[in-house]
Amino acid sequence: MENNNFNTIIKRSLDIREKYHQLEIKGNGTEWTLEEDALAYLTDAGLVGRNIMSHQKTWLKKNSAEELEHKLAENIWWLIVLADRTGIDIKEAMDKFLTKTENIV
């Protein structure tokens, strides 16, 4: 994957989320709400914390390096999805955040 093609990452992320929506409709009769997506993200964020603890050897869990890699990427995916569902342009938001933070530090 090209490292600097955020547009491609966003498109692929939203395409995958749409496929999950179709699975949710098939399995539950409806797609997840924005709140359910946010809760799923928070669950995955918590798992990043646990896997970081395992990485630091303060939470004993075998073979967590692969899961940590997966969950870090999954959290980025969720943030892209949540931004899209709330009408926020994640590229613009990132640019604003980085510029503001660069000026602060």
N, C-alpha and C. Protein backbone atom coordinates (compact mmCIF):
# COMPACT_ATOMS: atom_id res chain seq x y z
N MET A 1 0.85 -1.18 0.00
CA MET A 1 0.00 0.00 0.00
C MET A 1 0.89 1.23 0.00
N GLU A 2 0.49 2.23 -0.75
CA GLU A 2 1.20 3.50 -0.75
C GLU A 2 1.03 4.16 0.61
N ASN A 3 2.13 4.58 1.19
CA ASN A 3 2.10 5.13 2.55
C ASN A 3 1.36 6.46 2.65
N ASN A 4 1.37 7.27 1.60
CA ASN A 4 0.83 8.62 1.71
C ASN A 4 -0.50 8.81 1.00
N ASN A 5 -1.21 7.76 0.72
CA ASN A 5 -2.46 7.92 0.00
C ASN A 5 -3.65 7.78 0.95
N PHE A 6 -3.87 8.82 1.72
CA PHE A 6 -4.94 8.81 2.71
C PHE A 6 -6.31 8.69 2.05
N ASN A 7 -6.47 9.25 0.85
CA ASN A 7 -7.74 9.13 0.14
C ASN A 7 -8.09 7.67 -0.12
N THR A 8 -7.11 6.88 -0.52
CA THR A 8 -7.33 5.45 -0.78
C THR A 8 -7.68 4.72 0.51
N ILE A 9 -7.00 5.06 1.58
CA ILE A 9 -7.29 4.44 2.88
C ILE A 9 -8.72 4.75 3.30
N ILE A 10 -9.13 5.99 3.13
CA ILE A 10 -10.49 6.38 3.50
C ILE A 10 -11.51 5.63 2.65
N LYS A 11 -11.31 5.59 1.37
CA LYS A 11 -12.25 4.89 0.48
C LYS A 11 -12.36 3.42 0.84
N ARG A 12 -11.23 2.76 1.01
CA ARG A 12 -11.25 1.34 1.37
C ARG A 12 -11.94 1.12 2.71
N SER A 13 -11.70 2.02 3.66
CA SER A 13 -12.32 1.91 4.98
C SER A 13 -13.83 2.01 4.88
N LEU A 14 -14.31 2.98 4.12
CA LEU A 14 -15.76 3.17 3.99
C LEU A 14 -16.41 2.05 3.18
N ASP A 15 -15.69 1.52 2.21
CA ASP A 15 -16.21 0.37 1.45
C ASP A 15 -16.37 -0.84 2.36
N ILE A 16 -15.39 -1.07 3.21
CA ILE A 16 -15.47 -2.20 4.15
C ILE A 16 -16.63 -1.99 5.12
N ARG A 17 -16.81 -0.76 5.61
CA ARG A 17 -17.89 -0.50 6.56
C ARG A 17 -19.24 -0.76 5.91
N GLU A 18 -19.38 -0.40 4.64
CA GLU A 18 -20.63 -0.66 3.93
C GLU A 18 -20.89 -2.16 3.84
N LYS A 19 -19.86 -2.95 3.62
CA LYS A 19 -20.03 -4.41 3.58
C LYS A 19 -20.47 -4.93 4.95
N TYR A 20 -19.91 -4.37 6.01
CA TYR A 20 -20.36 -4.77 7.35
C TYR A 20 -21.81 -4.37 7.57
N HIS A 21 -22.21 -3.20 7.08
CA HIS A 21 -23.62 -2.80 7.21
C HIS A 21 -24.52 -3.84 6.54
N GLN A 22 -24.13 -4.33 5.39
CA GLN A 22 -24.93 -5.34 4.70
C GLN A 22 -25.02 -6.63 5.52
N LEU A 23 -23.91 -7.02 6.15
CA LEU A 23 -23.93 -8.20 7.03
C LEU A 23 -24.83 -7.96 8.24
N GLU A 24 -24.80 -6.75 8.80
CA GLU A 24 -25.66 -6.43 9.94
C GLU A 24 -27.13 -6.50 9.55
N ILE A 25 -27.46 -5.98 8.40
CA ILE A 25 -28.85 -6.04 7.92
C ILE A 25 -29.27 -7.49 7.72
N LYS A 26 -28.39 -8.28 7.15
CA LYS A 26 -28.70 -9.70 6.93
C LYS A 26 -28.87 -10.44 8.26
N GLY A 27 -28.03 -10.15 9.22
CA GLY A 27 -28.07 -10.87 10.49
C GLY A 27 -29.04 -10.32 11.51
N ASN A 28 -29.19 -8.97 11.55
CA ASN A 28 -30.00 -8.33 12.59
C ASN A 28 -31.22 -7.59 12.07
N GLY A 29 -31.31 -7.46 10.74
CA GLY A 29 -32.43 -6.74 10.16
C GLY A 29 -32.19 -5.24 10.05
N THR A 30 -31.10 -4.76 10.61
CA THR A 30 -30.77 -3.34 10.55
C THR A 30 -29.27 -3.15 10.72
N GLU A 31 -28.77 -2.04 10.17
CA GLU A 31 -27.35 -1.76 10.35
C GLU A 31 -27.14 -1.10 11.71
N TRP A 32 -25.90 -1.16 12.19
CA TRP A 32 -25.58 -0.54 13.46
C TRP A 32 -25.81 0.96 13.40
N THR A 33 -26.20 1.50 14.53
CA THR A 33 -26.36 2.95 14.65
C THR A 33 -24.98 3.58 14.85
N LEU A 34 -24.95 4.89 14.78
CA LEU A 34 -23.72 5.62 15.06
C LEU A 34 -23.23 5.32 16.48
N GLU A 35 -24.16 5.25 17.42
CA GLU A 35 -23.79 4.95 18.80
C GLU A 35 -23.18 3.56 18.92
N GLU A 36 -23.72 2.59 18.21
CA GLU A 36 -23.16 1.24 18.24
C GLU A 36 -21.76 1.22 17.62
N ASP A 37 -21.58 1.97 16.55
CA ASP A 37 -20.23 2.08 15.98
C ASP A 37 -19.26 2.69 16.99
N ALA A 38 -19.71 3.73 17.69
CA ALA A 38 -18.85 4.38 18.68
C ALA A 38 -18.50 3.42 19.81
N LEU A 39 -19.45 2.63 20.25
CA LEU A 39 -19.18 1.65 21.30
C LEU A 39 -18.20 0.57 20.82
N ALA A 40 -18.34 0.16 19.57
CA ALA A 40 -17.40 -0.82 19.01
C ALA A 40 -15.98 -0.24 18.97
N TYR A 41 -15.89 1.04 18.57
CA TYR A 41 -14.59 1.70 18.57
C TYR A 41 -13.99 1.74 19.97
N LEU A 42 -14.80 2.11 20.97
CA LEU A 42 -14.30 2.19 22.34
C LEU A 42 -13.84 0.83 22.85
N THR A 43 -14.53 -0.22 22.47
CA THR A 43 -14.11 -1.57 22.83
C THR A 43 -12.73 -1.87 22.24
N ASP A 44 -12.57 -1.55 20.96
CA ASP A 44 -11.28 -1.80 20.31
C ASP A 44 -10.18 -0.91 20.89
N ALA A 45 -10.52 0.32 21.28
CA ALA A 45 -9.54 1.20 21.91
C ALA A 45 -9.07 0.59 23.23
N GLY A 46 -10.00 0.02 23.99
CA GLY A 46 -9.62 -0.65 25.23
C GLY A 46 -8.70 -1.83 24.98
N LEU A 47 -8.94 -2.55 23.90
CA LEU A 47 -8.08 -3.68 23.56
C LEU A 47 -6.68 -3.22 23.15
N VAL A 48 -6.58 -2.05 22.56
CA VAL A 48 -5.25 -1.48 22.28
C VAL A 48 -4.53 -1.29 23.61
N GLY A 49 -5.23 -0.74 24.59
CA GLY A 49 -4.62 -0.54 25.91
C GLY A 49 -4.12 -1.84 26.51
N ARG A 50 -4.92 -2.87 26.46
CA ARG A 50 -4.51 -4.17 27.01
C ARG A 50 -3.30 -4.73 26.25
N ASN A 51 -3.31 -4.59 24.94
CA ASN A 51 -2.20 -5.12 24.15
C ASN A 51 -0.92 -4.29 24.34
N ILE A 52 -1.05 -3.01 24.60
CA ILE A 52 0.12 -2.21 24.96
C ILE A 52 0.67 -2.68 26.30
N MET A 53 -0.23 -2.94 27.24
CA MET A 53 0.22 -3.47 28.53
C MET A 53 0.94 -4.80 28.34
N SER A 54 0.44 -5.65 27.48
CA SER A 54 1.11 -6.92 27.19
C SER A 54 2.46 -6.68 26.55
N HIS A 55 2.52 -5.71 25.65
CA HIS A 55 3.79 -5.34 25.01
C HIS A 55 4.82 -4.91 26.06
N GLN A 56 4.36 -4.22 27.09
CA GLN A 56 5.22 -3.73 28.16
C GLN A 56 5.41 -4.77 29.28
N LYS A 57 4.79 -5.94 29.09
CA LYS A 57 4.89 -7.05 30.05
C LYS A 57 4.22 -6.77 31.39
N THR A 58 3.22 -5.89 31.39
CA THR A 58 2.46 -5.64 32.61
C THR A 58 1.08 -6.30 32.58
N TRP A 59 0.73 -6.89 31.45
CA TRP A 59 -0.51 -7.67 31.30
C TRP A 59 -0.10 -8.92 30.56
N LEU A 60 -0.24 -10.06 31.21
CA LEU A 60 0.26 -11.29 30.62
C LEU A 60 -0.73 -11.85 29.60
N LYS A 61 -0.31 -11.79 28.36
CA LYS A 61 -1.10 -12.33 27.27
C LYS A 61 -0.13 -12.80 26.20
N LYS A 62 -0.27 -14.02 25.81
CA LYS A 62 0.64 -14.56 24.80
C LYS A 62 0.28 -14.05 23.41
N ASN A 63 1.29 -13.89 22.58
CA ASN A 63 1.13 -13.56 21.16
C ASN A 63 0.27 -12.32 20.91
N SER A 64 0.47 -11.28 21.70
CA SER A 64 -0.36 -10.09 21.54
C SER A 64 0.18 -9.11 20.51
N ALA A 65 1.40 -9.29 20.03
CA ALA A 65 1.99 -8.34 19.08
C ALA A 65 1.15 -8.24 17.80
N GLU A 66 0.71 -9.38 17.27
CA GLU A 66 -0.10 -9.37 16.05
C GLU A 66 -1.45 -8.72 16.30
N GLU A 67 -2.05 -8.99 17.45
CA GLU A 67 -3.34 -8.38 17.77
C GLU A 67 -3.18 -6.87 17.98
N LEU A 68 -2.07 -6.45 18.59
CA LEU A 68 -1.83 -5.02 18.77
C LEU A 68 -1.76 -4.32 17.42
N GLU A 69 -1.02 -4.89 16.50
CA GLU A 69 -0.92 -4.31 15.15
C GLU A 69 -2.30 -4.19 14.52
N HIS A 70 -3.08 -5.26 14.62
CA HIS A 70 -4.43 -5.29 14.04
C HIS A 70 -5.32 -4.23 14.70
N LYS A 71 -5.30 -4.17 16.02
CA LYS A 71 -6.19 -3.25 16.74
C LYS A 71 -5.80 -1.79 16.53
N LEU A 72 -4.52 -1.50 16.40
CA LEU A 72 -4.11 -0.13 16.09
C LEU A 72 -4.70 0.30 14.75
N ALA A 73 -4.57 -0.56 13.76
CA ALA A 73 -5.12 -0.25 12.43
C ALA A 73 -6.64 -0.19 12.48
N GLU A 74 -7.25 -1.10 13.23
CA GLU A 74 -8.71 -1.11 13.32
C GLU A 74 -9.24 0.17 13.97
N ASN A 75 -8.50 0.69 14.94
CA ASN A 75 -8.90 1.94 15.57
C ASN A 75 -8.87 3.10 14.59
N ILE A 76 -7.86 3.15 13.73
CA ILE A 76 -7.81 4.18 12.69
C ILE A 76 -9.01 4.01 11.77
N TRP A 77 -9.30 2.76 11.40
CA TRP A 77 -10.46 2.48 10.55
C TRP A 77 -11.74 3.00 11.20
N TRP A 78 -11.93 2.69 12.49
CA TRP A 78 -13.13 3.16 13.18
C TRP A 78 -13.21 4.67 13.19
N LEU A 79 -12.10 5.36 13.40
CA LEU A 79 -12.11 6.82 13.42
C LEU A 79 -12.51 7.40 12.06
N ILE A 80 -12.05 6.77 11.00
CA ILE A 80 -12.45 7.19 9.66
C ILE A 80 -13.95 7.00 9.49
N VAL A 81 -14.45 5.86 9.92
CA VAL A 81 -15.89 5.56 9.82
C VAL A 81 -16.70 6.55 10.64
N LEU A 82 -16.29 6.79 11.88
CA LEU A 82 -17.03 7.71 12.74
C LEU A 82 -17.01 9.14 12.20
N ALA A 83 -15.88 9.55 11.66
CA ALA A 83 -15.81 10.88 11.05
C ALA A 83 -16.80 10.98 9.89
N ASP A 84 -16.81 9.96 9.05
CA ASP A 84 -17.72 9.97 7.90
C ASP A 84 -19.18 10.01 8.35
N ARG A 85 -19.52 9.21 9.34
CA ARG A 85 -20.91 9.14 9.80
C ARG A 85 -21.36 10.42 10.48
N THR A 86 -20.42 11.24 10.96
CA THR A 86 -20.79 12.49 11.62
C THR A 86 -20.57 13.70 10.72
N GLY A 87 -20.22 13.44 9.45
CA GLY A 87 -20.06 14.52 8.50
C GLY A 87 -18.77 15.31 8.64
N ILE A 88 -17.79 14.73 9.29
CA ILE A 88 -16.50 15.39 9.47
C ILE A 88 -15.53 14.90 8.41
N ASP A 89 -14.87 15.82 7.74
CA ASP A 89 -13.83 15.49 6.77
C ASP A 89 -12.56 15.17 7.56
N ILE A 90 -12.22 13.90 7.66
CA ILE A 90 -11.11 13.48 8.50
C ILE A 90 -9.78 14.05 8.02
N LYS A 91 -9.62 14.22 6.71
CA LYS A 91 -8.38 14.81 6.19
C LYS A 91 -8.25 16.25 6.66
N GLU A 92 -9.33 17.00 6.56
CA GLU A 92 -9.32 18.39 6.99
C GLU A 92 -9.12 18.47 8.51
N ALA A 93 -9.79 17.60 9.25
CA ALA A 93 -9.66 17.59 10.70
C ALA A 93 -8.22 17.29 11.11
N MET A 94 -7.59 16.32 10.44
CA MET A 94 -6.20 15.99 10.75
C MET A 94 -5.28 17.16 10.45
N ASP A 95 -5.50 17.81 9.32
CA ASP A 95 -4.67 18.95 8.96
C ASP A 95 -4.80 20.07 10.00
N LYS A 96 -6.04 20.36 10.42
CA LYS A 96 -6.27 21.39 11.44
C LYS A 96 -5.58 21.01 12.75
N PHE A 97 -5.74 19.75 13.15
CA PHE A 97 -5.15 19.28 14.40
C PHE A 97 -3.63 19.39 14.35
N LEU A 98 -3.03 18.90 13.26
CA LEU A 98 -1.57 18.93 13.15
C LEU A 98 -1.04 20.35 13.12
N THR A 99 -1.70 21.21 12.37
CA THR A 99 -1.26 22.61 12.30
C THR A 99 -1.36 23.28 13.66
N LYS A 100 -2.49 23.10 14.32
CA LYS A 100 -2.70 23.70 15.64
C LYS A 100 -1.65 23.18 16.64
N THR A 101 -1.43 21.88 16.63
CA THR A 101 -0.49 21.28 17.57
C THR A 101 0.94 21.70 17.26
N GLU A 102 1.30 21.76 15.99
CA GLU A 102 2.64 22.24 15.60
C GLU A 102 2.88 23.65 16.09
N ASN A 103 1.85 24.49 16.03
CA ASN A 103 1.98 25.87 16.49
C ASN A 103 2.07 25.98 17.99
N ILE A 104 1.49 25.04 18.68
CA ILE A 104 1.54 25.04 20.15
C ILE A 104 2.91 24.59 20.65
N VAL A 105 3.42 23.55 20.03
CA VAL A 105 4.69 23.00 20.52
C VAL A 105 5.85 23.62 19.79
